[in-house]
Amino acid sequence: MSEKLIGTIGDDTIGKRLEVAVEDGEILLRTMNYSSGLGWCVQKTIRIEPQHLHELQFLLNAAASILKFGSQKKKQAVSAKSATVIPFSLTA
């Protein structure tokens, strides 16, 4: 039962993070919260079997694409709203 911590995602200033580890042939995803006096506490552990890793990568990439596309759409909408129309007359 040897565990290897792969990495941590998150911002320690807000007291939340996600740890990624490998143990007994499974990938572990752990959500953690910081509590003064106790330190970092595991809130939930999700175990992912190796045969599901490829599917998870695919789904995470799809979610990232949706988020990226959505933020680009919002930027375009903001640009369209902030455009200035300059009136002009057609008299010669």
N, C-alpha and C. Protein backbone atom coordinates (compact mmCIF):
# COMPACT_ATOMS: atom_id res chain seq x y z
N MET A 1 0.84 -1.18 0.00
CA MET A 1 0.00 0.00 0.00
C MET A 1 0.89 1.24 0.00
N SER A 2 1.69 1.37 -1.05
CA SER A 2 2.59 2.50 -1.18
C SER A 2 1.94 3.57 -2.04
N GLU A 3 1.91 4.79 -1.55
CA GLU A 3 1.28 5.90 -2.26
C GLU A 3 2.33 6.86 -2.77
N LYS A 4 2.12 7.36 -3.99
CA LYS A 4 3.02 8.36 -4.55
C LYS A 4 2.20 9.59 -4.93
N LEU A 5 2.51 10.73 -4.32
CA LEU A 5 1.84 11.98 -4.64
C LEU A 5 2.39 12.50 -5.96
N ILE A 6 1.50 12.73 -6.92
CA ILE A 6 1.90 13.20 -8.24
C ILE A 6 1.93 14.73 -8.28
N GLY A 7 0.92 15.36 -7.71
CA GLY A 7 0.89 16.82 -7.71
C GLY A 7 -0.33 17.37 -7.01
N THR A 8 -0.33 18.68 -6.88
CA THR A 8 -1.41 19.38 -6.20
C THR A 8 -1.88 20.53 -7.08
N ILE A 9 -3.19 20.71 -7.14
CA ILE A 9 -3.80 21.81 -7.88
C ILE A 9 -4.57 22.64 -6.87
N GLY A 10 -4.43 23.94 -6.94
CA GLY A 10 -5.24 24.77 -6.06
C GLY A 10 -4.47 25.95 -5.54
N ASP A 11 -5.17 26.73 -4.77
CA ASP A 11 -4.63 27.96 -4.22
C ASP A 11 -4.68 27.88 -2.70
N ASP A 12 -3.52 27.82 -2.09
CA ASP A 12 -3.47 27.70 -0.64
C ASP A 12 -4.09 28.90 0.07
N THR A 13 -4.17 30.05 -0.61
CA THR A 13 -4.72 31.24 0.03
C THR A 13 -6.22 31.12 0.27
N ILE A 14 -6.91 30.29 -0.51
CA ILE A 14 -8.36 30.11 -0.28
C ILE A 14 -8.66 28.85 0.52
N GLY A 15 -7.61 28.08 0.82
CA GLY A 15 -7.77 26.92 1.68
C GLY A 15 -8.42 25.71 1.03
N LYS A 16 -8.30 25.59 -0.30
CA LYS A 16 -8.85 24.43 -1.00
C LYS A 16 -7.84 23.96 -2.02
N ARG A 17 -7.74 22.63 -2.18
CA ARG A 17 -6.86 22.09 -3.20
C ARG A 17 -7.28 20.68 -3.58
N LEU A 18 -6.72 20.24 -4.69
CA LEU A 18 -6.97 18.89 -5.20
C LEU A 18 -5.62 18.19 -5.32
N GLU A 19 -5.50 17.04 -4.70
CA GLU A 19 -4.28 16.25 -4.80
C GLU A 19 -4.51 15.09 -5.76
N VAL A 20 -3.47 14.79 -6.54
CA VAL A 20 -3.50 13.64 -7.43
C VAL A 20 -2.39 12.70 -6.97
N ALA A 21 -2.75 11.45 -6.74
CA ALA A 21 -1.78 10.46 -6.25
C ALA A 21 -2.05 9.12 -6.93
N VAL A 22 -1.08 8.23 -6.81
CA VAL A 22 -1.22 6.86 -7.31
C VAL A 22 -0.99 5.92 -6.13
N GLU A 23 -1.89 4.92 -6.00
CA GLU A 23 -1.77 3.94 -4.92
C GLU A 23 -2.39 2.63 -5.36
N ASP A 24 -1.67 1.56 -5.18
CA ASP A 24 -2.17 0.21 -5.50
C ASP A 24 -2.79 0.13 -6.89
N GLY A 25 -2.14 0.73 -7.87
CA GLY A 25 -2.61 0.64 -9.25
C GLY A 25 -3.82 1.50 -9.57
N GLU A 26 -4.19 2.41 -8.70
CA GLU A 26 -5.33 3.30 -8.95
C GLU A 26 -4.87 4.76 -8.86
N ILE A 27 -5.58 5.62 -9.55
CA ILE A 27 -5.34 7.06 -9.45
C ILE A 27 -6.28 7.59 -8.38
N LEU A 28 -5.75 8.39 -7.48
CA LEU A 28 -6.57 8.99 -6.41
C LEU A 28 -6.69 10.49 -6.65
N LEU A 29 -7.90 11.00 -6.60
CA LEU A 29 -8.17 12.43 -6.61
C LEU A 29 -8.74 12.78 -5.25
N ARG A 30 -8.07 13.68 -4.53
CA ARG A 30 -8.51 14.04 -3.18
C ARG A 30 -8.82 15.53 -3.10
N THR A 31 -10.03 15.86 -2.72
CA THR A 31 -10.35 17.26 -2.43
C THR A 31 -10.00 17.51 -0.97
N MET A 32 -9.35 18.66 -0.75
CA MET A 32 -8.87 18.96 0.60
C MET A 32 -9.22 20.40 0.98
N ASN A 33 -9.49 20.61 2.25
CA ASN A 33 -9.72 21.93 2.81
C ASN A 33 -8.73 22.17 3.95
N TYR A 34 -8.37 23.43 4.12
CA TYR A 34 -7.45 23.78 5.20
C TYR A 34 -8.25 24.27 6.40
N SER A 35 -7.89 23.77 7.56
CA SER A 35 -8.52 24.18 8.79
C SER A 35 -7.42 24.61 9.76
N SER A 36 -7.54 25.83 10.28
CA SER A 36 -6.52 26.28 11.23
C SER A 36 -6.55 25.37 12.45
N GLY A 37 -5.39 24.99 12.90
CA GLY A 37 -5.28 24.07 14.03
C GLY A 37 -5.18 22.62 13.60
N LEU A 38 -5.82 22.26 12.49
CA LEU A 38 -5.77 20.87 12.00
C LEU A 38 -4.87 20.73 10.77
N GLY A 39 -4.79 21.79 9.98
CA GLY A 39 -4.03 21.71 8.74
C GLY A 39 -4.91 21.24 7.60
N TRP A 40 -4.31 20.56 6.62
CA TRP A 40 -5.05 20.09 5.45
C TRP A 40 -5.82 18.82 5.79
N CYS A 41 -7.12 18.82 5.48
CA CYS A 41 -7.99 17.68 5.77
C CYS A 41 -8.62 17.18 4.48
N VAL A 42 -8.60 15.88 4.27
CA VAL A 42 -9.23 15.28 3.09
C VAL A 42 -10.74 15.33 3.26
N GLN A 43 -11.42 15.87 2.26
CA GLN A 43 -12.88 15.92 2.28
C GLN A 43 -13.49 14.74 1.53
N LYS A 44 -12.86 14.42 0.40
CA LYS A 44 -13.38 13.31 -0.41
C LYS A 44 -12.24 12.72 -1.23
N THR A 45 -12.24 11.41 -1.39
CA THR A 45 -11.28 10.72 -2.25
C THR A 45 -12.03 9.98 -3.33
N ILE A 46 -11.62 10.21 -4.58
CA ILE A 46 -12.20 9.50 -5.72
C ILE A 46 -11.11 8.59 -6.28
N ARG A 47 -11.41 7.31 -6.37
CA ARG A 47 -10.46 6.34 -6.90
C ARG A 47 -10.83 6.06 -8.36
N ILE A 48 -9.85 6.17 -9.24
CA ILE A 48 -10.07 5.94 -10.66
C ILE A 48 -9.22 4.76 -11.10
N GLU A 49 -9.87 3.76 -11.65
CA GLU A 49 -9.16 2.58 -12.12
C GLU A 49 -8.43 2.93 -13.42
N PRO A 50 -7.27 2.33 -13.65
CA PRO A 50 -6.46 2.68 -14.82
C PRO A 50 -7.20 2.57 -16.15
N GLN A 51 -8.10 1.61 -16.29
CA GLN A 51 -8.81 1.46 -17.56
C GLN A 51 -9.78 2.62 -17.84
N HIS A 52 -10.07 3.44 -16.83
CA HIS A 52 -10.96 4.59 -17.03
C HIS A 52 -10.19 5.90 -17.23
N LEU A 53 -8.88 5.84 -17.12
CA LEU A 53 -8.07 7.06 -17.21
C LEU A 53 -8.20 7.73 -18.57
N HIS A 54 -8.15 6.95 -19.64
CA HIS A 54 -8.26 7.52 -20.99
C HIS A 54 -9.61 8.24 -21.17
N GLU A 55 -10.68 7.60 -20.70
CA GLU A 55 -12.01 8.21 -20.80
C GLU A 55 -12.09 9.51 -20.00
N LEU A 56 -11.48 9.50 -18.80
CA LEU A 56 -11.48 10.71 -17.97
C LEU A 56 -10.71 11.83 -18.66
N GLN A 57 -9.56 11.52 -19.26
CA GLN A 57 -8.80 12.53 -20.00
C GLN A 57 -9.63 13.12 -21.13
N PHE A 58 -10.34 12.26 -21.85
CA PHE A 58 -11.19 12.72 -22.95
C PHE A 58 -12.28 13.66 -22.43
N LEU A 59 -12.93 13.29 -21.34
CA LEU A 59 -14.01 14.11 -20.79
C LEU A 59 -13.49 15.44 -20.24
N LEU A 60 -12.32 15.43 -19.61
CA LEU A 60 -11.74 16.68 -19.11
C LEU A 60 -11.36 17.61 -20.26
N ASN A 61 -10.82 17.05 -21.34
CA ASN A 61 -10.50 17.87 -22.52
C ASN A 61 -11.76 18.45 -23.14
N ALA A 62 -12.83 17.68 -23.18
CA ALA A 62 -14.10 18.17 -23.72
C ALA A 62 -14.64 19.31 -22.85
N ALA A 63 -14.56 19.15 -21.55
CA ALA A 63 -15.02 20.21 -20.63
C ALA A 63 -14.18 21.47 -20.79
N ALA A 64 -12.87 21.31 -20.95
CA ALA A 64 -11.98 22.46 -21.14
C ALA A 64 -12.32 23.19 -22.44
N SER A 65 -12.63 22.44 -23.48
CA SER A 65 -13.01 23.06 -24.76
C SER A 65 -14.30 23.86 -24.62
N ILE A 66 -15.25 23.31 -23.90
CA ILE A 66 -16.52 24.02 -23.69
C ILE A 66 -16.28 25.31 -22.92
N LEU A 67 -15.48 25.24 -21.87
CA LEU A 67 -15.18 26.44 -21.09
C LEU A 67 -14.44 27.48 -21.92
N LYS A 68 -13.48 27.04 -22.72
CA LYS A 68 -12.72 27.96 -23.56
C LYS A 68 -13.63 28.60 -24.60
N PHE A 69 -14.46 27.80 -25.25
CA PHE A 69 -15.38 28.31 -26.26
C PHE A 69 -16.37 29.28 -25.64
N GLY A 70 -16.86 28.95 -24.45
CA GLY A 70 -17.82 29.82 -23.76
C GLY A 70 -17.20 31.16 -23.40
N SER A 71 -15.95 31.17 -22.94
CA SER A 71 -15.31 32.44 -22.58
C SER A 71 -15.02 33.27 -23.82
N GLN A 72 -14.71 32.63 -24.96
CA GLN A 72 -14.50 33.37 -26.20
C GLN A 72 -15.81 34.00 -26.67
N LYS A 73 -16.91 33.27 -26.51
CA LYS A 73 -18.22 33.80 -26.89
C LYS A 73 -18.58 35.02 -26.04
N LYS A 74 -18.28 34.96 -24.73
CA LYS A 74 -18.57 36.09 -23.85
C LYS A 74 -17.75 37.30 -24.26
N LYS A 75 -16.47 37.10 -24.61
CA LYS A 75 -15.62 38.21 -25.03
C LYS A 75 -16.16 38.85 -26.30
N GLN A 76 -16.64 38.04 -27.23
CA GLN A 76 -17.21 38.56 -28.47
C GLN A 76 -18.47 39.36 -28.17
N ALA A 77 -19.29 38.87 -27.26
CA ALA A 77 -20.52 39.57 -26.91
C ALA A 77 -20.20 40.91 -26.26
N VAL A 78 -19.21 40.95 -25.39
CA VAL A 78 -18.81 42.19 -24.74
C VAL A 78 -18.29 43.17 -25.79
N SER A 79 -17.48 42.69 -26.73
CA SER A 79 -16.96 43.55 -27.79
C SER A 79 -18.09 44.14 -28.62
N ALA A 80 -19.08 43.33 -28.92
CA ALA A 80 -20.21 43.80 -29.72
C ALA A 80 -21.01 44.85 -28.95
N LYS A 81 -21.17 44.67 -27.66
CA LYS A 81 -21.93 45.61 -26.85
C LYS A 81 -21.18 46.93 -26.66
N SER A 82 -19.86 46.90 -26.67
CA SER A 82 -19.10 48.10 -26.41
C SER A 82 -18.76 48.87 -27.68
N ALA A 83 -19.26 48.41 -28.83
CA ALA A 83 -18.99 49.11 -30.08
C ALA A 83 -19.72 50.45 -30.09
N THR A 84 -19.10 51.47 -30.66
CA THR A 84 -19.70 52.79 -30.76
C THR A 84 -20.16 53.02 -32.19
N VAL A 85 -21.40 53.45 -32.34
CA VAL A 85 -21.94 53.76 -33.65
C VAL A 85 -21.83 55.27 -33.86
N ILE A 86 -21.21 55.65 -34.96
CA ILE A 86 -21.04 57.08 -35.25
C ILE A 86 -22.03 57.47 -36.34
N PRO A 87 -22.97 58.35 -36.01
CA PRO A 87 -23.95 58.75 -37.02
C PRO A 87 -23.31 59.67 -38.07
N PHE A 88 -23.77 59.57 -39.30
CA PHE A 88 -23.30 60.47 -40.34
C PHE A 88 -24.44 60.74 -41.31
N SER A 89 -24.37 61.86 -41.99
CA SER A 89 -25.44 62.20 -42.91
C SER A 89 -24.98 61.94 -44.33
N LEU A 90 -25.97 61.67 -45.20
CA LEU A 90 -25.69 61.36 -46.59
C LEU A 90 -25.87 62.59 -47.48
N THR A 91 -25.96 63.77 -46.91
CA THR A 91 -26.13 64.96 -47.74
C THR A 91 -24.81 65.36 -48.38
N ALA A 92 -24.91 65.79 -49.64
CA ALA A 92 -23.68 66.16 -50.34
C ALA A 92 -23.48 67.66 -50.38
